[in-house]
Full PDB file with SEQRES, HELIX, SHEET, SSBOND, CRYST1, ORIGX, SCALE, CONECT and MASTER records, all heavy atoms in Angstrom:
SEQRES   1 A   36  THR ARG TYR GLY VAL LEU VAL ARG GLU ASP TYR CYS GLY          
SEQRES   2 A   36  TYR PRO GLU SER GLU SER ASN LEU TYR MET VAL ASP SER          
SEQRES   3 A   36  GLN GLY THR LEU LEU TRP PHE SER GLU ARG                      
SHEET    1 AA1 3 VAL A   5  ARG A   8  0                                        
SHEET    2 AA1 3 LEU A  21  VAL A  24 -1                                        
SHEET    3 AA1 3 LEU A  30  PHE A  33 -1                                        
CRYST1    1.000    1.000    1.000  90.00  90.00  90.00 P 1           1          
ORIGX1      1.000000  0.000000  0.000000        0.00000                         
ORIGX2      0.000000  1.000000  0.000000        0.00000                         
ORIGX3      0.000000  0.000000  1.000000        0.00000                         
SCALE1      1.000000  0.000000  0.000000        0.00000                         
SCALE2      0.000000  1.000000  0.000000        0.00000                         
SCALE3      0.000000  0.000000  1.000000        0.00000                         
ATOM      1  N   THR A   1      67.594 120.867 -27.861  1.00  0.00           N  
ATOM      2  CA  THR A   1      66.735 122.021 -27.983  1.00  0.00           C  
ATOM      3  C   THR A   1      67.516 123.238 -28.384  1.00  0.00           C  
ATOM      4  O   THR A   1      68.799 123.143 -28.455  1.00  0.00           O  
ATOM      5  CB  THR A   1      65.940 122.389 -26.620  1.00  0.00           C  
ATOM      6  OG1 THR A   1      66.987 122.982 -25.804  1.00  0.00           O  
ATOM      7  CG2 THR A   1      65.397 121.142 -26.063  1.00  0.00           C  
ATOM      8  N   ARG A   2      66.853 124.306 -28.644  1.00  0.00           N  
ATOM      9  CA  ARG A   2      67.641 125.541 -29.055  1.00  0.00           C  
ATOM     10  C   ARG A   2      68.435 126.106 -27.813  1.00  0.00           C  
ATOM     11  O   ARG A   2      69.340 126.973 -28.017  1.00  0.00           O  
ATOM     12  CB  ARG A   2      66.615 126.614 -29.594  1.00  0.00           C  
ATOM     13  CG  ARG A   2      65.708 127.177 -28.563  1.00  0.00           C  
ATOM     14  CD  ARG A   2      64.889 128.264 -29.100  1.00  0.00           C  
ATOM     15  NE  ARG A   2      63.958 127.806 -30.105  1.00  0.00           N  
ATOM     16  CZ  ARG A   2      63.100 128.498 -30.786  1.00  0.00           C  
ATOM     17  NH1 ARG A   2      62.965 129.825 -30.442  1.00  0.00           N  
ATOM     18  NH2 ARG A   2      62.363 128.084 -31.699  1.00  0.00           N  
ATOM     19  N   TYR A   3      68.093 125.653 -26.614  1.00  0.00           N  
ATOM     20  CA  TYR A   3      68.760 126.162 -25.378  1.00  0.00           C  
ATOM     21  C   TYR A   3      69.852 125.257 -24.906  1.00  0.00           C  
ATOM     22  O   TYR A   3      70.552 125.570 -23.907  1.00  0.00           O  
ATOM     23  CB  TYR A   3      67.712 126.404 -24.296  1.00  0.00           C  
ATOM     24  CG  TYR A   3      66.627 127.350 -24.742  1.00  0.00           C  
ATOM     25  CD1 TYR A   3      65.329 126.860 -25.090  1.00  0.00           C  
ATOM     26  CD2 TYR A   3      66.877 128.690 -24.841  1.00  0.00           C  
ATOM     27  CE1 TYR A   3      64.411 127.821 -25.535  1.00  0.00           C  
ATOM     28  CE2 TYR A   3      65.892 129.600 -25.310  1.00  0.00           C  
ATOM     29  CZ  TYR A   3      64.624 129.104 -25.626  1.00  0.00           C  
ATOM     30  OH  TYR A   3      63.700 129.918 -26.055  1.00  0.00           O  
ATOM     31  N   GLY A   4      69.916 124.047 -25.428  1.00  0.00           N  
ATOM     32  CA  GLY A   4      70.958 123.056 -25.038  1.00  0.00           C  
ATOM     33  C   GLY A   4      70.371 121.699 -25.148  1.00  0.00           C  
ATOM     34  O   GLY A   4      69.416 121.438 -25.886  1.00  0.00           O  
ATOM     35  N   VAL A   5      70.971 120.749 -24.471  1.00  0.00           N  
ATOM     36  CA  VAL A   5      70.536 119.329 -24.546  1.00  0.00           C  
ATOM     37  C   VAL A   5      69.834 118.984 -23.199  1.00  0.00           C  
ATOM     38  O   VAL A   5      70.366 119.124 -22.171  1.00  0.00           O  
ATOM     39  CB  VAL A   5      71.654 118.397 -24.749  1.00  0.00           C  
ATOM     40  CG1 VAL A   5      71.206 116.951 -24.742  1.00  0.00           C  
ATOM     41  CG2 VAL A   5      72.398 118.815 -26.025  1.00  0.00           C  
ATOM     42  N   LEU A   6      68.441 118.631 -23.226  1.00  0.00           N  
ATOM     43  CA  LEU A   6      67.678 118.294 -22.146  1.00  0.00           C  
ATOM     44  C   LEU A   6      67.988 116.821 -21.880  1.00  0.00           C  
ATOM     45  O   LEU A   6      67.913 116.006 -22.744  1.00  0.00           O  
ATOM     46  CB  LEU A   6      66.215 118.528 -22.383  1.00  0.00           C  
ATOM     47  CG  LEU A   6      65.289 118.389 -21.224  1.00  0.00           C  
ATOM     48  CD1 LEU A   6      65.495 119.393 -20.117  1.00  0.00           C  
ATOM     49  CD2 LEU A   6      63.900 118.454 -21.669  1.00  0.00           C  
ATOM     50  N   VAL A   7      68.347 116.523 -20.622  1.00  0.00           N  
ATOM     51  CA  VAL A   7      68.700 115.203 -20.241  1.00  0.00           C  
ATOM     52  C   VAL A   7      67.687 114.671 -19.134  1.00  0.00           C  
ATOM     53  O   VAL A   7      67.448 115.449 -18.162  1.00  0.00           O  
ATOM     54  CB  VAL A   7      70.104 115.066 -19.671  1.00  0.00           C  
ATOM     55  CG1 VAL A   7      70.467 113.691 -19.300  1.00  0.00           C  
ATOM     56  CG2 VAL A   7      71.048 115.634 -20.719  1.00  0.00           C  
ATOM     57  N   ARG A   8      67.156 113.495 -19.260  1.00  0.00           N  
ATOM     58  CA  ARG A   8      66.423 112.915 -18.157  1.00  0.00           C  
ATOM     59  C   ARG A   8      67.141 111.606 -17.785  1.00  0.00           C  
ATOM     60  O   ARG A   8      67.357 110.714 -18.616  1.00  0.00           O  
ATOM     61  CB  ARG A   8      64.944 112.609 -18.609  1.00  0.00           C  
ATOM     62  CG  ARG A   8      64.098 112.034 -17.440  1.00  0.00           C  
ATOM     63  CD  ARG A   8      62.644 111.853 -17.869  1.00  0.00           C  
ATOM     64  NE  ARG A   8      62.450 111.000 -18.926  1.00  0.00           N  
ATOM     65  CZ  ARG A   8      62.202 109.619 -18.849  1.00  0.00           C  
ATOM     66  NH1 ARG A   8      62.176 109.104 -17.644  1.00  0.00           N  
ATOM     67  NH2 ARG A   8      62.048 108.945 -19.948  1.00  0.00           N  
ATOM     68  N   GLU A   9      67.503 111.423 -16.466  1.00  0.00           N  
ATOM     69  CA  GLU A   9      68.115 110.247 -16.030  1.00  0.00           C  
ATOM     70  C   GLU A   9      67.022 109.401 -15.375  1.00  0.00           C  
ATOM     71  O   GLU A   9      66.038 109.789 -14.953  1.00  0.00           O  
ATOM     72  CB  GLU A   9      69.215 110.630 -14.963  1.00  0.00           C  
ATOM     73  CG  GLU A   9      70.517 111.142 -15.623  1.00  0.00           C  
ATOM     74  CD  GLU A   9      71.663 111.122 -14.688  1.00  0.00           C  
ATOM     75  OE1 GLU A   9      71.885 110.243 -13.821  1.00  0.00           O  
ATOM     76  OE2 GLU A   9      72.486 112.086 -14.787  1.00  0.00           O  
ATOM     77  N   ASP A  10      67.468 108.101 -15.250  1.00  0.00           N  
ATOM     78  CA  ASP A  10      66.569 107.212 -14.602  1.00  0.00           C  
ATOM     79  C   ASP A  10      66.345 107.663 -13.112  1.00  0.00           C  
ATOM     80  O   ASP A  10      67.335 108.058 -12.474  1.00  0.00           O  
ATOM     81  CB  ASP A  10      67.274 105.813 -14.541  1.00  0.00           C  
ATOM     82  CG  ASP A  10      66.313 104.708 -14.080  1.00  0.00           C  
ATOM     83  OD1 ASP A  10      65.279 104.973 -13.566  1.00  0.00           O  
ATOM     84  OD2 ASP A  10      66.769 103.539 -14.152  1.00  0.00           O  
ATOM     85  N   TYR A  11      65.118 107.675 -12.760  1.00  0.00           N  
ATOM     86  CA  TYR A  11      64.752 108.157 -11.375  1.00  0.00           C  
ATOM     87  C   TYR A  11      65.097 107.205 -10.308  1.00  0.00           C  
ATOM     88  O   TYR A  11      65.266 107.509  -9.141  1.00  0.00           O  
ATOM     89  CB  TYR A  11      63.240 108.571 -11.313  1.00  0.00           C  
ATOM     90  CG  TYR A  11      62.312 107.358 -11.513  1.00  0.00           C  
ATOM     91  CD1 TYR A  11      61.894 106.600 -10.416  1.00  0.00           C  
ATOM     92  CD2 TYR A  11      61.862 107.053 -12.766  1.00  0.00           C  
ATOM     93  CE1 TYR A  11      61.083 105.515 -10.646  1.00  0.00           C  
ATOM     94  CE2 TYR A  11      61.018 106.054 -12.986  1.00  0.00           C  
ATOM     95  CZ  TYR A  11      60.608 105.228 -11.906  1.00  0.00           C  
ATOM     96  OH  TYR A  11      59.816 104.152 -12.084  1.00  0.00           O  
ATOM     97  N   CYS A  12      65.173 105.910 -10.652  1.00  0.00           N  
ATOM     98  CA  CYS A  12      65.425 104.869  -9.639  1.00  0.00           C  
ATOM     99  C   CYS A  12      66.876 104.970  -9.094  1.00  0.00           C  
ATOM    100  O   CYS A  12      67.845 104.882  -9.904  1.00  0.00           O  
ATOM    101  CB  CYS A  12      65.166 103.505 -10.252  1.00  0.00           C  
ATOM    102  SG  CYS A  12      65.269 102.125  -9.058  1.00  0.00           S  
ATOM    103  N   GLY A  13      67.004 105.343  -7.848  1.00  0.00           N  
ATOM    104  CA  GLY A  13      68.300 105.547  -7.289  1.00  0.00           C  
ATOM    105  C   GLY A  13      68.882 106.936  -7.439  1.00  0.00           C  
ATOM    106  O   GLY A  13      69.977 107.164  -6.881  1.00  0.00           O  
ATOM    107  N   TYR A  14      68.153 107.806  -8.059  1.00  0.00           N  
ATOM    108  CA  TYR A  14      68.663 109.188  -8.205  1.00  0.00           C  
ATOM    109  C   TYR A  14      68.452 109.946  -6.961  1.00  0.00           C  
ATOM    110  O   TYR A  14      67.462 109.758  -6.216  1.00  0.00           O  
ATOM    111  CB  TYR A  14      67.874 109.884  -9.417  1.00  0.00           C  
ATOM    112  CG  TYR A  14      68.588 111.041  -9.933  1.00  0.00           C  
ATOM    113  CD1 TYR A  14      69.380 110.911 -10.967  1.00  0.00           C  
ATOM    114  CD2 TYR A  14      68.448 112.314  -9.421  1.00  0.00           C  
ATOM    115  CE1 TYR A  14      70.124 111.973 -11.515  1.00  0.00           C  
ATOM    116  CE2 TYR A  14      69.081 113.428  -9.967  1.00  0.00           C  
ATOM    117  CZ  TYR A  14      69.899 113.246 -11.043  1.00  0.00           C  
ATOM    118  OH  TYR A  14      70.660 114.350 -11.471  1.00  0.00           O  
ATOM    119  N   PRO A  15      69.429 110.788  -6.526  1.00  0.00           N  
ATOM    120  CA  PRO A  15      69.262 111.491  -5.259  1.00  0.00           C  
ATOM    121  C   PRO A  15      68.036 112.406  -5.264  1.00  0.00           C  
ATOM    122  O   PRO A  15      67.781 113.109  -6.181  1.00  0.00           O  
ATOM    123  CB  PRO A  15      70.477 112.359  -5.193  1.00  0.00           C  
ATOM    124  CG  PRO A  15      71.488 111.806  -6.155  1.00  0.00           C  
ATOM    125  CD  PRO A  15      70.639 111.059  -7.244  1.00  0.00           C  
ATOM    126  N   GLU A  16      67.247 112.288  -4.115  1.00  0.00           N  
ATOM    127  CA  GLU A  16      66.085 113.073  -4.029  1.00  0.00           C  
ATOM    128  C   GLU A  16      66.264 114.581  -3.912  1.00  0.00           C  
ATOM    129  O   GLU A  16      65.432 115.402  -4.074  1.00  0.00           O  
ATOM    130  CB  GLU A  16      65.330 112.603  -2.758  1.00  0.00           C  
ATOM    131  CG  GLU A  16      64.730 111.238  -2.922  1.00  0.00           C  
ATOM    132  CD  GLU A  16      63.864 110.822  -1.780  1.00  0.00           C  
ATOM    133  OE1 GLU A  16      63.518 111.719  -0.878  1.00  0.00           O  
ATOM    134  OE2 GLU A  16      63.382 109.623  -1.678  1.00  0.00           O  
ATOM    135  N   SER A  17      67.540 114.988  -3.626  1.00  0.00           N  
ATOM    136  CA  SER A  17      67.866 116.397  -3.395  1.00  0.00           C  
ATOM    137  C   SER A  17      68.069 117.171  -4.692  1.00  0.00           C  
ATOM    138  O   SER A  17      68.069 118.378  -4.760  1.00  0.00           O  
ATOM    139  CB  SER A  17      69.156 116.502  -2.624  1.00  0.00           C  
ATOM    140  OG  SER A  17      70.271 115.885  -3.253  1.00  0.00           O  
ATOM    141  N   GLU A  18      68.122 116.409  -5.817  1.00  0.00           N  
ATOM    142  CA  GLU A  18      68.248 116.937  -7.181  1.00  0.00           C  
ATOM    143  C   GLU A  18      67.204 116.486  -8.114  1.00  0.00           C  
ATOM    144  O   GLU A  18      66.702 115.329  -8.059  1.00  0.00           O  
ATOM    145  CB  GLU A  18      69.684 116.502  -7.842  1.00  0.00           C  
ATOM    146  CG  GLU A  18      70.815 117.240  -7.509  1.00  0.00           C  
ATOM    147  CD  GLU A  18      72.065 116.740  -8.177  1.00  0.00           C  
ATOM    148  OE1 GLU A  18      71.942 115.991  -9.192  1.00  0.00           O  
ATOM    149  OE2 GLU A  18      73.120 117.011  -7.636  1.00  0.00           O  
ATOM    150  N   SER A  19      66.885 117.257  -9.105  1.00  0.00           N  
ATOM    151  CA  SER A  19      65.998 116.938 -10.147  1.00  0.00           C  
ATOM    152  C   SER A  19      66.825 116.014 -11.178  1.00  0.00           C  
ATOM    153  O   SER A  19      67.899 116.335 -11.490  1.00  0.00           O  
ATOM    154  CB  SER A  19      65.456 118.128 -10.863  1.00  0.00           C  
ATOM    155  OG  SER A  19      64.667 117.815 -11.992  1.00  0.00           O  
ATOM    156  N   ASN A  20      66.045 114.958 -11.630  1.00  0.00           N  
ATOM    157  CA  ASN A  20      66.744 114.040 -12.612  1.00  0.00           C  
ATOM    158  C   ASN A  20      66.458 114.527 -14.043  1.00  0.00           C  
ATOM    159  O   ASN A  20      66.780 113.823 -14.962  1.00  0.00           O  
ATOM    160  CB  ASN A  20      66.228 112.656 -12.499  1.00  0.00           C  
ATOM    161  CG  ASN A  20      64.756 112.513 -12.738  1.00  0.00           C  
ATOM    162  OD1 ASN A  20      63.890 113.299 -12.330  1.00  0.00           O  
ATOM    163  ND2 ASN A  20      64.348 111.417 -13.451  1.00  0.00           N  
ATOM    164  N   LEU A  21      65.910 115.836 -14.196  1.00  0.00           N  
ATOM    165  CA  LEU A  21      65.717 116.317 -15.469  1.00  0.00           C  
ATOM    166  C   LEU A  21      66.514 117.693 -15.429  1.00  0.00           C  
ATOM    167  O   LEU A  21      66.350 118.548 -14.603  1.00  0.00           O  
ATOM    168  CB  LEU A  21      64.265 116.697 -15.688  1.00  0.00           C  
ATOM    169  CG  LEU A  21      63.880 117.270 -17.078  1.00  0.00           C  
ATOM    170  CD1 LEU A  21      64.153 116.262 -18.182  1.00  0.00           C  
ATOM    171  CD2 LEU A  21      62.396 117.623 -17.028  1.00  0.00           C  
ATOM    172  N   TYR A  22      67.452 117.789 -16.420  1.00  0.00           N  
ATOM    173  CA  TYR A  22      68.356 118.941 -16.380  1.00  0.00           C  
ATOM    174  C   TYR A  22      68.809 119.316 -17.822  1.00  0.00           C  
ATOM    175  O   TYR A  22      68.724 118.502 -18.751  1.00  0.00           O  
ATOM    176  CB  TYR A  22      69.611 118.703 -15.483  1.00  0.00           C  
ATOM    177  CG  TYR A  22      70.335 117.431 -15.701  1.00  0.00           C  
ATOM    178  CD1 TYR A  22      71.423 117.451 -16.679  1.00  0.00           C  
ATOM    179  CD2 TYR A  22      70.031 116.282 -15.122  1.00  0.00           C  
ATOM    180  CE1 TYR A  22      72.124 116.239 -16.861  1.00  0.00           C  
ATOM    181  CE2 TYR A  22      70.671 115.111 -15.295  1.00  0.00           C  
ATOM    182  CZ  TYR A  22      71.807 115.102 -16.191  1.00  0.00           C  
ATOM    183  OH  TYR A  22      72.473 113.982 -16.366  1.00  0.00           O  
ATOM    184  N   MET A  23      69.424 120.482 -17.953  1.00  0.00           N  
ATOM    185  CA  MET A  23      69.874 120.997 -19.272  1.00  0.00           C  
ATOM    186  C   MET A  23      71.416 121.108 -19.270  1.00  0.00           C  
ATOM    187  O   MET A  23      71.961 121.670 -18.208  1.00  0.00           O  
ATOM    188  CB  MET A  23      69.296 122.348 -19.607  1.00  0.00           C  
ATOM    189  CG  MET A  23      69.717 122.914 -20.945  1.00  0.00           C  
ATOM    190  SD  MET A  23      68.759 122.169 -22.338  1.00  0.00           S  
ATOM    191  CE  MET A  23      67.116 122.863 -22.117  1.00  0.00           C  
ATOM    192  N   VAL A  24      72.115 120.667 -20.238  1.00  0.00           N  
ATOM    193  CA  VAL A  24      73.496 120.812 -20.408  1.00  0.00           C  
ATOM    194  C   VAL A  24      73.770 121.541 -21.780  1.00  0.00           C  
ATOM    195  O   VAL A  24      72.908 121.495 -22.622  1.00  0.00           O  
ATOM    196  CB  VAL A  24      74.232 119.501 -20.386  1.00  0.00           C  
ATOM    197  CG1 VAL A  24      74.155 118.838 -19.021  1.00  0.00           C  
ATOM    198  CG2 VAL A  24      73.856 118.556 -21.474  1.00  0.00           C  
ATOM    199  N   ASP A  25      74.907 122.234 -21.851  1.00  0.00           N  
ATOM    200  CA  ASP A  25      75.326 122.782 -23.126  1.00  0.00           C  
ATOM    201  C   ASP A  25      76.054 121.728 -24.042  1.00  0.00           C  
ATOM    202  O   ASP A  25      76.125 120.607 -23.635  1.00  0.00           O  
ATOM    203  CB  ASP A  25      76.176 124.045 -22.898  1.00  0.00           C  
ATOM    204  CG  ASP A  25      77.568 123.795 -22.310  1.00  0.00           C  
ATOM    205  OD1 ASP A  25      78.038 122.631 -22.297  1.00  0.00           O  
ATOM    206  OD2 ASP A  25      78.185 124.768 -21.796  1.00  0.00           O  
ATOM    207  N   SER A  26      76.479 122.155 -25.143  1.00  0.00           N  
ATOM    208  CA  SER A  26      77.149 121.251 -26.094  1.00  0.00           C  
ATOM    209  C   SER A  26      78.415 120.584 -25.613  1.00  0.00           C  
ATOM    210  O   SER A  26      78.744 119.498 -26.122  1.00  0.00           O  
ATOM    211  CB  SER A  26      77.412 121.864 -27.409  1.00  0.00           C  
ATOM    212  OG  SER A  26      78.230 122.978 -27.272  1.00  0.00           O  
ATOM    213  N   GLN A  27      78.991 121.104 -24.572  1.00  0.00           N  
ATOM    214  CA  GLN A  27      80.226 120.546 -23.958  1.00  0.00           C  
ATOM    215  C   GLN A  27      79.832 119.604 -22.728  1.00  0.00           C  
ATOM    216  O   GLN A  27      80.708 119.031 -22.135  1.00  0.00           O  
ATOM    217  CB  GLN A  27      81.197 121.553 -23.483  1.00  0.00           C  
ATOM    218  CG  GLN A  27      81.986 122.176 -24.674  1.00  0.00           C  
ATOM    219  CD  GLN A  27      81.121 123.169 -25.413  1.00  0.00           C  
ATOM    220  OE1 GLN A  27      80.404 124.001 -24.828  1.00  0.00           O  
ATOM    221  NE2 GLN A  27      81.190 123.100 -26.768  1.00  0.00           N  
ATOM    222  N   GLY A  28      78.552 119.584 -22.489  1.00  0.00           N  
ATOM    223  CA  GLY A  28      78.077 118.715 -21.253  1.00  0.00           C  
ATOM    224  C   GLY A  28      78.048 119.510 -19.951  1.00  0.00           C  
ATOM    225  O   GLY A  28      77.860 118.864 -18.884  1.00  0.00           O  
ATOM    226  N   THR A  29      78.325 120.813 -19.999  1.00  0.00           N  
ATOM    227  CA  THR A  29      78.340 121.617 -18.775  1.00  0.00           C  
ATOM    228  C   THR A  29      76.854 121.809 -18.294  1.00  0.00           C  
ATOM    229  O   THR A  29      75.976 122.199 -19.122  1.00  0.00           O  
ATOM    230  CB  THR A  29      78.967 122.909 -19.012  1.00  0.00           C  
ATOM    231  OG1 THR A  29      80.387 122.687 -19.512  1.00  0.00           O  
ATOM    232  CG2 THR A  29      79.050 123.747 -17.768  1.00  0.00           C  
ATOM    233  N   LEU A  30      76.624 121.606 -17.080  1.00  0.00           N  
ATOM    234  CA  LEU A  30      75.310 121.776 -16.571  1.00  0.00           C  
ATOM    235  C   LEU A  30      74.870 123.262 -16.577  1.00  0.00           C  
ATOM    236  O   LEU A  30      75.588 124.122 -16.166  1.00  0.00           O  
ATOM    237  CB  LEU A  30      75.289 121.267 -15.003  1.00  0.00           C  
ATOM    238  CG  LEU A  30      73.933 121.482 -14.372  1.00  0.00           C  
ATOM    239  CD1 LEU A  30      72.859 120.435 -14.826  1.00  0.00           C  
ATOM    240  CD2 LEU A  30      74.148 121.249 -12.787  1.00  0.00           C  
ATOM    241  N   LEU A  31      73.618 123.523 -17.100  1.00  0.00           N  
ATOM    242  CA  LEU A  31      73.045 124.833 -17.213  1.00  0.00           C  
ATOM    243  C   LEU A  31      72.030 125.057 -16.138  1.00  0.00           C  
ATOM    244  O   LEU A  31      72.027 126.117 -15.523  1.00  0.00           O  
ATOM    245  CB  LEU A  31      72.487 125.057 -18.597  1.00  0.00           C  
ATOM    246  CG  LEU A  31      73.416 125.032 -19.746  1.00  0.00           C  
ATOM    247  CD1 LEU A  31      72.630 125.082 -21.066  1.00  0.00           C  
ATOM    248  CD2 LEU A  31      74.528 125.983 -19.633  1.00  0.00           C  
ATOM    249  N   TRP A  32      71.161 124.015 -15.938  1.00  0.00           N  
ATOM    250  CA  TRP A  32      70.188 124.109 -14.816  1.00  0.00           C  
ATOM    251  C   TRP A  32      69.543 122.781 -14.575  1.00  0.00           C  
ATOM    252  O   TRP A  32      69.624 121.857 -15.366  1.00  0.00           O  
ATOM    253  CB  TRP A  32      69.037 125.115 -15.125  1.00  0.00           C  
ATOM    254  CG  TRP A  32      68.354 125.015 -16.523  1.00  0.00           C  
ATOM    255  CD1 TRP A  32      68.481 125.910 -17.496  1.00  0.00           C  
ATOM    256  CD2 TRP A  32      67.287 124.107 -16.933  1.00  0.00           C  
ATOM    257  NE1 TRP A  32      67.718 125.524 -18.577  1.00  0.00           N  
ATOM    258  CE2 TRP A  32      67.013 124.418 -18.243  1.00  0.00           C  
ATOM    259  CE3 TRP A  32      66.794 122.952 -16.325  1.00  0.00           C  
ATOM    260  CZ2 TRP A  32      66.083 123.670 -18.957  1.00  0.00           C  
ATOM    261  CZ3 TRP A  32      65.843 122.220 -17.062  1.00  0.00           C  
ATOM    262  CH2 TRP A  32      65.486 122.538 -18.408  1.00  0.00           C  
ATOM    263  N   PHE A  33      68.959 122.633 -13.350  1.00  0.00           N  
ATOM    264  CA  PHE A  33      68.089 121.528 -12.922  1.00  0.00           C  
ATOM    265  C   PHE A  33      66.746 122.018 -13.063  1.00  0.00           C  
ATOM    266  O   PHE A  33      66.346 123.166 -12.629  1.00  0.00           O  
ATOM    267  CB  PHE A  33      68.417 121.096 -11.478  1.00  0.00           C  
ATOM    268  CG  PHE A  33      69.671 120.305 -11.354  1.00  0.00           C  
ATOM    269  CD1 PHE A  33      70.682 120.956 -10.660  1.00  0.00           C  
ATOM    270  CD2 PHE A  33      69.837 118.937 -11.696  1.00  0.00           C  
ATOM    271  CE1 PHE A  33      71.933 120.271 -10.486  1.00  0.00           C  
ATOM    272  CE2 PHE A  33      71.057 118.316 -11.492  1.00  0.00           C  
ATOM    273  CZ  PHE A  33      72.085 118.978 -10.834  1.00  0.00           C  
ATOM    274  N   SER A  34      65.807 121.143 -13.554  1.00  0.00           N  
ATOM    275  CA  SER A  34      64.361 121.479 -13.634  1.00  0.00           C  
ATOM    276  C   SER A  34      63.810 121.590 -12.123  1.00  0.00           C  
ATOM    277  O   SER A  34      64.061 120.706 -11.297  1.00  0.00           O  
ATOM    278  CB  SER A  34      63.635 120.488 -14.331  1.00  0.00           C  
ATOM    279  OG  SER A  34      62.279 120.658 -14.348  1.00  0.00           O  
ATOM    280  N   GLU A  35      62.956 122.607 -12.033  1.00  0.00           N  
ATOM    281  CA  GLU A  35      62.203 122.669 -10.797  1.00  0.00           C  
ATOM    282  C   GLU A  35      61.179 121.478 -10.716  1.00  0.00           C  
ATOM    283  O   GLU A  35      60.851 120.999 -11.776  1.00  0.00           O  
ATOM    284  CB  GLU A  35      61.422 123.923 -10.592  1.00  0.00           C  
ATOM    285  CG  GLU A  35      62.276 125.140 -10.333  1.00  0.00           C  
ATOM    286  CD  GLU A  35      61.378 126.422 -10.068  1.00  0.00           C  
ATOM    287  OE1 GLU A  35      60.355 126.528 -10.765  1.00  0.00           O  
ATOM    288  OE2 GLU A  35      61.889 127.191  -9.354  1.00  0.00           O  
ATOM    289  N   ARG A  36      60.795 121.096  -9.502  1.00  0.00           N  
ATOM    290  CA  ARG A  36      59.874 120.004  -9.364  1.00  0.00           C  
ATOM    291  C   ARG A  36      58.635 120.519  -8.630  1.00  0.00           C  
ATOM    292  O   ARG A  36      58.630 121.553  -7.887  1.00  0.00           O  
ATOM    293  CB  ARG A  36      60.469 118.899  -8.571  1.00  0.00           C  
ATOM    294  CG  ARG A  36      61.683 118.265  -9.315  1.00  0.00           C  
ATOM    295  CD  ARG A  36      62.441 117.339  -8.461  1.00  0.00           C  
ATOM    296  NE  ARG A  36      63.125 118.028  -7.412  1.00  0.00           N  
ATOM    297  CZ  ARG A  36      63.900 117.449  -6.473  1.00  0.00           C  
ATOM    298  NH1 ARG A  36      63.978 116.096  -6.435  1.00  0.00           N  
ATOM    299  NH2 ARG A  36      64.422 118.142  -5.496  1.00  0.00           N  
TER     300      ARG A  36                                                      
MASTER        0    0    0    0    3    0    0    6  299    1    0    3          
END                                                                             
């Protein structure tokens, strides 16, 4: 996207305390986790 790379990880086994949908920049640095 114009804001970075949106990533969705497999939800199976993903920690419930974090969103499995998040944005990273071009170097892979985490920008945000999506609210749920």
